[in-house]
Amino acid sequence: MFKTRITELLGIEHPIIAGPMGYISRAELVSAISNAGGLGIMVATTFGEPKDLKEEIRKTRSLTDKPFAINVTLLPSARPVRYEDYFAAALEEGVNIIETSGRSPEPYMKMLKDGKATVLHRATRTRDIQTAERAGCDAATILGTEAAGHPGQEEVTSLVRIPIVVDAVKIPVIAGGGIADARGFVAALALGAEGVLMGTRFMASQECPIHPNVKQWVLQLGEADTILIQKSIKNASRVVRTEHTEKILDMENKGATLKELMPLISGQRGRRAYDIGDTSGASISIGQVVGLIHEIPTVKEIIDGIISEAKLIIERFQDKVIAD
């Protein structure tokens, strides 16, 4: 029923895309999302070397024959990174859907298009989506401030972001931030998006490869249990409000430097939390939509539930709201 330019472009059944999550979006979760009719996205920079990414791609291919994508986040890194090597690894392994984020993919577009890739770009500002369109991207994702991870500095909600971006470009737009169920899915389509991106919802799924303690902890969180940190270093990040993250915010408010903040915001802290289940010393990315999440189903149950309930919502509108 929900056929859009996104489903046609990506060769997927449902216009539901998994937000790429560092250390989490590995073969098990990526393949489960793709097998359920959505698009799983693996995070390239989770892997220390491009050869490790290749191994994970091969593992994913052993678990699904459906399309999946590779994300490359084009941001400064604490370790030397040649993004070309990650793109090359993905293309050499036959992955023909690439998502970029962090900064304009323009310097890499010739390489990607020569490799016959479909290129998606994810950003938080209208002008960055327009830049992606001019660079030749095939589709783009706009994030509202509700989103986990890095939702931008401007703190504009998805309800406002989505229609503005849809009006500003001709390429299909994917909506991210604040979406976890059929109501958000239908709302995003009504605002002009042709697909949705969800990350937080898939954290609380049976296939998500994080410690069970973290999943249970997520279920206890409400929509007000997140804060934005790292705005002082121009890299706003929405995370769970804890003593650890409140300490980071307090340090920022007092003028802490990047060097002073680095030991507390290191991604390795999150990776350790996902492995051992102790979240007390880590900044765990989570979206405000966590307040809607109360159970840990399978990925297929999440996607099938959204699609079936979305159909019912539309039918209710047709039978009652519009008729009246």
Protein backbone atom coordinates (compact mmCIF):
# COMPACT_ATOMS: atom_id res chain seq x y z
CA MET A 1 0.00 0.00 0.00
CA PHE A 2 2.75 2.47 0.90
CA LYS A 3 4.64 2.65 -2.37
CA THR A 4 6.67 5.83 -2.76
CA ARG A 5 9.65 7.07 -4.73
CA ILE A 6 11.77 5.80 -1.82
CA THR A 7 10.51 2.21 -2.06
CA GLU A 8 11.06 2.31 -5.82
CA LEU A 9 14.51 3.90 -5.57
CA LEU A 10 15.81 1.49 -2.95
CA GLY A 11 13.96 -1.65 -4.03
CA ILE A 12 12.34 -2.16 -0.62
CA GLU A 13 8.83 -3.20 0.38
CA HIS A 14 8.09 -0.57 3.03
CA PRO A 15 9.36 3.04 3.24
CA ILE A 16 10.95 2.41 6.64
CA ILE A 17 14.68 2.95 7.05
CA ALA A 18 16.81 2.15 10.07
CA GLY A 19 18.74 5.04 11.51
CA PRO A 20 22.40 3.95 11.52
CA MET A 21 23.66 3.55 15.09
CA GLY A 22 27.36 3.27 15.90
CA TYR A 23 28.36 -0.12 17.38
CA ILE A 24 24.72 -1.28 17.12
CA SER A 25 23.91 -1.39 13.40
CA ARG A 26 25.74 -4.60 12.71
CA ALA A 27 24.87 -7.63 10.60
CA GLU A 28 22.19 -9.05 12.91
CA LEU A 29 20.11 -5.88 13.18
CA VAL A 30 20.74 -4.64 9.63
CA SER A 31 19.68 -7.95 8.08
CA ALA A 32 16.60 -8.24 10.29
CA ILE A 33 15.36 -4.82 9.17
CA SER A 34 15.98 -5.57 5.52
CA ASN A 35 14.35 -8.99 5.80
CA ALA A 36 11.27 -7.33 7.29
CA GLY A 37 10.90 -5.15 4.21
CA GLY A 38 12.70 -2.01 5.35
CA LEU A 39 16.26 -0.85 4.73
CA GLY A 40 18.97 -1.64 7.24
CA ILE A 41 21.98 0.69 7.34
CA MET A 42 25.38 -0.32 8.67
CA VAL A 43 27.78 2.27 10.12
CA ALA A 44 31.11 2.00 8.32
CA THR A 45 33.18 3.81 10.92
CA THR A 46 32.14 1.33 13.62
CA PHE A 47 34.86 -0.80 12.08
CA GLY A 48 38.49 0.09 12.63
CA GLU A 49 39.58 -0.85 9.13
CA PRO A 50 37.79 -1.13 5.79
CA LYS A 51 38.66 -4.85 5.72
CA ASP A 52 36.60 -5.28 8.89
CA LEU A 53 33.69 -3.54 7.21
CA LYS A 54 34.00 -5.96 4.32
CA GLU A 55 33.77 -8.91 6.70
CA GLU A 56 30.61 -7.49 8.29
CA ILE A 57 29.07 -6.90 4.86
CA ARG A 58 29.73 -10.54 3.96
CA LYS A 59 28.16 -11.64 7.24
CA THR A 60 25.11 -9.51 6.49
CA ARG A 61 24.83 -11.00 3.01
CA SER A 62 24.77 -14.46 4.60
CA LEU A 63 21.70 -13.36 6.59
CA THR A 64 19.72 -11.51 3.91
CA ASP A 65 19.36 -11.26 0.16
CA LYS A 66 17.50 -7.95 0.47
CA PRO A 67 18.96 -4.47 -0.07
CA PHE A 68 20.89 -2.80 2.74
CA ALA A 69 23.05 0.30 2.92
CA ILE A 70 26.32 1.54 4.35
CA ASN A 71 26.58 4.86 6.18
CA VAL A 72 29.78 6.89 6.15
CA THR A 73 29.74 9.83 8.55
CA LEU A 74 31.99 12.56 7.20
CA LEU A 75 33.09 14.16 10.45
CA PRO A 76 36.49 14.74 12.00
CA SER A 77 37.71 11.65 13.83
CA ALA A 78 40.05 11.06 16.75
CA ARG A 79 41.87 8.54 14.54
CA PRO A 80 43.09 8.98 10.96
CA VAL A 81 40.29 8.06 8.56
CA ARG A 82 40.28 7.87 4.77
CA TYR A 83 36.60 7.89 3.91
CA GLU A 84 37.40 6.87 0.34
CA ASP A 85 38.58 3.52 1.67
CA TYR A 86 35.23 2.84 3.35
CA PHE A 87 33.34 3.81 0.20
CA ALA A 88 35.61 1.56 -1.85
CA ALA A 89 35.12 -1.36 0.55
CA ALA A 90 31.33 -1.08 0.31
CA LEU A 91 31.31 -0.77 -3.47
CA GLU A 92 33.76 -3.65 -3.89
CA GLU A 93 31.42 -5.84 -1.84
CA GLY A 94 28.51 -4.92 -4.07
CA VAL A 95 26.65 -2.59 -1.71
CA ASN A 96 25.01 -0.10 -4.05
CA ILE A 97 23.17 2.07 -1.51
CA ILE A 98 25.37 4.55 0.35
CA GLU A 99 24.23 7.02 3.00
CA THR A 100 26.42 9.97 3.92
CA SER A 101 26.08 12.40 6.80
CA GLY A 102 28.11 14.97 8.73
CA ARG A 103 29.10 17.20 5.82
CA SER A 104 28.52 17.50 2.09
CA PRO A 105 29.30 14.33 0.12
CA GLU A 106 30.19 16.36 -2.98
CA PRO A 107 33.94 15.46 -2.93
CA TYR A 108 33.02 11.77 -3.12
CA MET A 109 30.09 11.88 -5.55
CA LYS A 110 32.08 11.04 -8.67
CA MET A 111 33.53 7.97 -6.98
CA LEU A 112 30.09 6.87 -5.77
CA LYS A 113 28.32 7.48 -9.04
CA ASP A 114 31.09 5.80 -11.02
CA GLY A 115 30.45 2.85 -8.70
CA LYS A 116 26.73 2.88 -9.66
CA ALA A 117 25.68 3.76 -6.12
CA THR A 118 22.37 5.23 -5.05
CA VAL A 119 23.34 8.01 -2.65
CA LEU A 120 21.28 9.17 0.32
CA HIS A 121 22.36 12.09 2.47
CA ARG A 122 21.21 12.89 6.01
CA ALA A 123 21.30 16.41 7.43
CA THR A 124 19.62 18.72 9.92
CA ARG A 125 19.28 21.95 7.92
CA THR A 126 17.29 22.77 4.81
CA ARG A 127 20.26 24.34 3.06
CA ASP A 128 22.33 21.19 3.58
CA ILE A 129 19.61 19.08 1.97
CA GLN A 130 19.58 21.52 -0.96
CA THR A 131 23.35 21.21 -1.23
CA ALA A 132 23.01 17.42 -1.31
CA GLU A 133 20.49 17.67 -4.12
CA ARG A 134 22.80 19.93 -6.16
CA ALA A 135 25.66 17.49 -5.55
CA GLY A 136 23.63 14.72 -7.16
CA CYS A 137 22.23 12.77 -4.20
CA ASP A 138 19.22 10.64 -5.06
CA ALA A 139 17.31 11.25 -1.81
CA ALA A 140 17.86 12.91 1.54
CA THR A 141 16.85 12.53 5.18
CA ILE A 142 15.98 15.55 7.30
CA LEU A 143 16.34 15.18 11.07
CA GLY A 144 14.23 17.07 13.56
CA THR A 145 15.58 18.01 16.97
CA GLU A 146 13.68 15.10 18.57
CA ALA A 147 16.15 12.67 17.02
CA ALA A 148 18.86 10.74 18.79
CA GLY A 149 22.47 11.13 17.84
CA HIS A 150 23.29 14.45 16.21
CA PRO A 151 20.07 16.38 15.44
CA GLY A 152 21.76 19.70 14.74
CA GLN A 153 22.30 22.95 16.57
CA GLU A 154 19.07 24.73 15.66
CA GLU A 155 16.51 22.71 17.68
CA VAL A 156 13.73 22.75 15.07
CA THR A 157 11.13 19.99 15.33
CA SER A 158 10.28 17.42 12.68
CA LEU A 159 6.76 18.83 12.37
CA VAL A 160 8.30 22.03 11.01
CA ARG A 161 11.39 20.62 9.30
CA ILE A 162 9.70 18.04 7.09
CA PRO A 163 7.31 20.21 5.03
CA ILE A 164 9.88 22.99 4.67
CA VAL A 165 12.44 20.60 3.20
CA VAL A 166 9.86 18.83 1.02
CA ASP A 167 8.99 22.20 -0.50
CA ALA A 168 12.66 23.11 -0.97
CA VAL A 169 13.86 20.15 -3.07
CA LYS A 170 12.67 17.85 -5.84
CA ILE A 171 14.38 14.66 -4.65
CA PRO A 172 12.41 12.38 -2.30
CA VAL A 173 12.67 13.24 1.39
CA ILE A 174 12.93 10.82 4.31
CA ALA A 175 11.79 12.05 7.73
CA GLY A 176 13.77 11.30 10.89
CA GLY A 177 13.21 12.27 14.51
CA GLY A 178 10.16 11.58 16.67
CA ILE A 179 8.91 8.55 14.74
CA ALA A 180 8.43 5.14 16.36
CA ASP A 181 4.94 3.95 15.50
CA ALA A 182 2.20 4.10 12.87
CA ARG A 183 0.98 7.51 14.00
CA GLY A 184 4.38 9.08 13.39
CA PHE A 185 4.73 7.19 10.11
CA VAL A 186 1.40 8.48 8.77
CA ALA A 187 2.12 12.00 10.04
CA ALA A 188 5.46 12.07 8.21
CA LEU A 189 3.82 10.96 4.96
CA ALA A 190 1.11 13.56 5.42
CA LEU A 191 3.80 16.23 5.74
CA GLY A 192 5.24 15.19 2.38
CA ALA A 193 7.97 12.72 3.33
CA GLU A 194 8.22 9.56 1.23
CA GLY A 195 9.83 7.44 3.91
CA VAL A 196 10.76 7.48 7.58
CA LEU A 197 13.98 6.85 9.44
CA MET A 198 13.86 5.26 12.92
CA GLY A 199 16.74 4.48 15.25
CA THR A 200 15.55 4.53 18.86
CA ARG A 201 12.62 2.20 18.12
CA PHE A 202 14.99 -0.46 16.79
CA MET A 203 17.26 -0.20 19.85
CA ALA A 204 14.46 -1.87 21.78
CA SER A 205 14.11 -4.87 19.49
CA GLN A 206 14.99 -8.49 20.05
CA GLU A 207 17.61 -8.47 17.30
CA CYS A 208 19.43 -5.39 18.55
CA PRO A 209 22.92 -6.54 19.65
CA ILE A 210 23.14 -4.62 22.93
CA HIS A 211 23.06 -5.90 26.50
CA PRO A 212 19.56 -6.83 27.76
CA ASN A 213 20.04 -4.48 30.73
CA VAL A 214 20.29 -1.54 28.34
CA LYS A 215 17.10 -2.54 26.54
CA GLN A 216 15.19 -2.82 29.83
CA TRP A 217 16.59 0.55 30.92
CA VAL A 218 15.33 2.11 27.69
CA LEU A 219 11.80 0.92 28.49
CA GLN A 220 11.84 2.91 31.73
CA LEU A 221 12.66 6.21 30.03
CA GLY A 222 10.17 8.94 29.17
CA GLU A 223 10.08 11.67 26.55
CA ALA A 224 11.63 14.17 28.99
CA ASP A 225 14.58 11.96 29.89
CA THR A 226 16.95 13.25 27.20
CA ILE A 227 19.21 16.28 26.96
CA LEU A 228 21.34 17.92 24.29
CA ILE A 229 25.05 17.96 25.00
CA GLN A 230 28.06 19.04 22.90
CA LYS A 231 26.39 22.17 21.54
CA SER A 232 29.38 24.15 22.77
CA ILE A 233 31.62 22.23 20.37
CA LYS A 234 29.13 22.56 17.46
CA ASN A 235 28.22 18.89 17.53
CA ALA A 236 24.92 18.71 19.42
CA SER A 237 24.06 15.21 20.61
CA ARG A 238 20.78 14.01 22.10
CA VAL A 239 21.46 11.53 24.88
CA VAL A 240 19.82 10.06 27.96
CA ARG A 241 19.84 12.41 30.96
CA THR A 242 22.10 10.83 33.62
CA GLU A 243 24.55 12.10 36.20
CA HIS A 244 27.27 11.53 33.63
CA THR A 245 25.64 13.56 30.85
CA GLU A 246 24.53 16.30 33.24
CA LYS A 247 28.17 16.60 34.32
CA ILE A 248 29.16 17.06 30.66
CA LEU A 249 26.52 19.75 30.19
CA ASP A 250 27.65 21.51 33.35
CA MET A 251 31.25 21.47 32.13
CA GLU A 252 30.14 22.96 28.81
CA ASN A 253 28.20 25.71 30.58
CA LYS A 254 31.38 26.54 32.48
CA GLY A 255 33.42 26.81 29.29
CA ALA A 256 35.15 23.42 29.10
CA THR A 257 37.37 22.85 26.07
CA LEU A 258 37.10 19.96 23.63
CA LYS A 259 40.24 18.47 25.16
CA GLU A 260 38.61 18.53 28.59
CA LEU A 261 35.39 17.02 27.29
CA MET A 262 36.90 14.25 25.17
CA PRO A 263 37.51 11.74 27.99
CA LEU A 264 33.81 11.95 28.90
CA ILE A 265 32.24 11.89 25.43
CA SER A 266 34.37 9.17 23.87
CA GLY A 267 32.36 6.69 21.82
CA GLN A 268 34.23 3.85 23.48
CA ARG A 269 32.26 4.54 26.66
CA GLY A 270 29.04 3.82 24.81
CA ARG A 271 30.44 0.71 23.21
CA ARG A 272 31.41 -0.63 26.63
CA ALA A 273 27.95 0.15 28.00
CA TYR A 274 26.29 -1.76 25.17
CA ASP A 275 28.57 -4.73 25.85
CA ILE A 276 28.35 -4.98 29.67
CA GLY A 277 25.02 -3.29 30.38
CA ASP A 278 26.31 -0.54 32.68
CA THR A 279 25.18 2.84 31.36
CA SER A 280 26.31 4.98 34.30
CA GLY A 281 29.50 6.26 32.66
CA ALA A 282 28.39 6.67 29.04
CA SER A 283 26.48 9.08 26.83
CA ILE A 284 23.77 6.88 25.35
CA SER A 285 22.15 8.35 22.25
CA ILE A 286 18.36 8.23 22.45
CA GLY A 287 15.50 10.13 20.85
CA GLN A 288 12.61 11.84 22.62
CA VAL A 289 10.37 9.22 21.03
CA VAL A 290 11.67 6.79 23.66
CA GLY A 291 8.59 7.80 25.67
CA LEU A 292 6.48 5.78 23.21
CA ILE A 293 8.47 2.57 23.61
CA HIS A 294 7.18 0.06 26.16
CA GLU A 295 8.09 -3.38 24.82
CA ILE A 296 10.85 -5.30 23.04
CA PRO A 297 9.35 -7.03 19.99
CA THR A 298 11.11 -8.48 16.98
CA VAL A 299 12.05 -6.16 14.14
CA LYS A 300 9.45 -7.83 11.93
CA GLU A 301 6.77 -7.21 14.54
CA ILE A 302 7.75 -3.54 14.71
CA ILE A 303 7.60 -3.00 10.95
CA ASP A 304 4.54 -5.16 10.31
CA GLY A 305 2.76 -3.42 13.19
CA ILE A 306 3.50 0.04 11.81
CA ILE A 307 2.27 -0.84 8.32
CA SER A 308 -0.92 -2.58 9.45
CA GLU A 309 -1.82 0.13 11.98
CA ALA A 310 -1.04 2.87 9.45
CA LYS A 311 -3.60 1.36 7.08
CA LEU A 312 -6.20 1.41 9.86
CA ILE A 313 -5.42 5.05 10.67
CA ILE A 314 -5.96 6.05 7.05
CA GLU A 315 -9.17 4.05 6.87
CA ARG A 316 -10.45 5.81 10.01
CA PHE A 317 -9.75 9.17 8.43
CA GLN A 318 -11.55 8.16 5.26
CA ASP A 319 -14.56 6.69 7.09
CA LYS A 320 -14.97 9.29 9.85
CA VAL A 321 -12.91 12.44 9.73
CA ILE A 322 -13.20 13.14 6.02
CA ALA A 323 -16.81 11.92 5.79
CA ASP A 324 -17.91 14.20 8.63
